[in-house]
Protein backbone atom coordinates (compact mmCIF):
# COMPACT_ATOMS: atom_id res chain seq x y z
CA MET A 1 0.02 -0.01 0.02
CA ASN A 2 1.45 3.39 -0.92
CA MET A 3 1.23 6.55 1.19
CA ALA A 4 -1.84 7.89 -0.68
CA ASP A 5 -3.72 4.59 -0.12
CA VAL A 6 -2.88 4.71 3.60
CA ALA A 7 -4.09 8.30 3.91
CA ILE A 8 -7.32 7.53 2.02
CA ALA A 9 -7.92 4.40 4.23
CA ARG A 10 -7.40 6.55 7.35
CA VAL A 11 -9.85 9.18 6.19
CA ILE A 12 -12.47 6.49 5.37
CA ALA A 13 -11.96 4.88 8.76
CA ASP A 14 -12.33 8.20 10.55
CA MET A 15 -15.46 9.08 8.55
CA ASN A 16 -17.00 5.68 9.21
CA ALA A 17 -16.41 6.20 12.93
CA ASP A 18 -17.94 9.63 12.81
CA LEU A 19 -20.97 8.44 10.75
CA ALA A 20 -21.67 5.64 13.22
CA LYS A 21 -22.43 8.29 15.82
CA ARG A 22 -25.82 10.00 16.03
CA PRO A 23 -26.29 12.57 13.17
CA SER A 24 -25.05 15.96 14.21
CA THR A 25 -27.67 18.42 15.28
CA GLU A 26 -25.93 20.94 13.04
CA VAL A 27 -26.52 18.94 9.92
CA ALA A 28 -30.01 17.98 11.03
CA SER A 29 -30.96 21.61 11.59
CA LEU A 30 -29.69 22.54 8.06
CA LEU A 31 -31.87 19.91 6.52
CA ASP A 32 -34.91 20.42 8.71
CA GLY A 33 -38.07 21.01 6.76
CA ALA A 34 -36.39 19.94 3.47
CA ASP A 35 -38.47 19.02 0.53
CA ASP A 36 -38.33 15.83 -1.51
CA TRP A 37 -35.43 17.13 -3.62
CA ALA A 38 -33.13 17.82 -0.72
CA ILE A 39 -30.39 15.43 0.33
CA SER A 40 -31.07 12.97 3.16
CA ILE A 41 -29.77 13.45 6.63
CA GLY A 42 -27.37 10.46 6.07
CA ALA A 43 -26.02 11.99 2.84
CA GLY A 44 -25.74 15.36 4.47
CA GLN A 45 -23.83 13.91 7.44
CA PHE A 46 -21.48 12.08 5.05
CA LEU A 47 -20.90 15.23 2.94
CA HIS A 48 -20.29 17.32 6.06
CA GLN A 49 -17.76 14.81 7.41
CA LEU A 50 -16.09 14.47 4.06
CA VAL A 51 -15.49 18.18 3.77
CA LYS A 52 -14.30 18.39 7.35
CA HIS A 53 -11.81 15.54 6.89
CA VAL A 54 -10.52 16.60 3.51
CA ALA A 55 -10.37 20.27 4.56
CA PRO A 56 -10.28 21.82 1.07
CA ALA A 57 -9.66 25.47 0.56
CA SER A 58 -12.43 25.57 -2.05
CA VAL A 59 -15.27 23.43 -3.22
CA LEU A 60 -16.94 23.48 -6.70
CA GLU A 61 -20.49 22.20 -6.55
CA PHE A 62 -22.82 21.66 -9.57
CA GLY A 63 -26.22 22.64 -8.31
CA ALA A 64 -27.27 24.58 -5.23
CA GLY A 65 -29.66 23.77 -2.43
CA ARG A 66 -29.45 22.23 0.97
CA SER A 67 -26.21 20.52 0.16
CA SER A 68 -24.63 24.00 -0.31
CA LEU A 69 -25.59 24.82 3.32
CA VAL A 70 -24.02 21.58 4.52
CA ILE A 71 -20.77 22.18 2.54
CA ALA A 72 -20.63 25.87 3.70
CA SER A 73 -21.06 24.77 7.33
CA ALA A 74 -18.27 22.25 7.10
CA LEU A 75 -15.97 24.80 5.47
CA GLN A 76 -16.78 27.28 8.19
CA SER A 77 -16.08 24.75 10.97
CA ASN A 78 -12.70 24.21 9.32
CA GLY A 79 -11.87 27.89 9.53
CA GLY A 80 -13.23 29.04 6.22
CA GLY A 81 -13.04 28.33 2.53
CA ARG A 82 -14.71 29.11 -0.70
CA LEU A 83 -17.87 27.38 -2.08
CA THR A 84 -18.73 27.90 -5.73
CA SER A 85 -22.06 26.62 -6.87
CA VAL A 86 -22.69 26.39 -10.66
């Protein structure tokens, strides 16, 4: 296994541990009252954890909606970043 594979495996293990916990109230509140087109709580939790673990400086998203709120929240909890929705 090379260094990149080890790093990816570690991120996946960390995310799985976080996802096994109860969904965060932060993500749940962002998705509260969502319509049928919005992402699910589980997908929102996964997306939030993914952005937190990868910690990108910027995210390019195709589409805009509740997922944008989840991504922006994760970027903010990491200290900031740029979200571009197309």
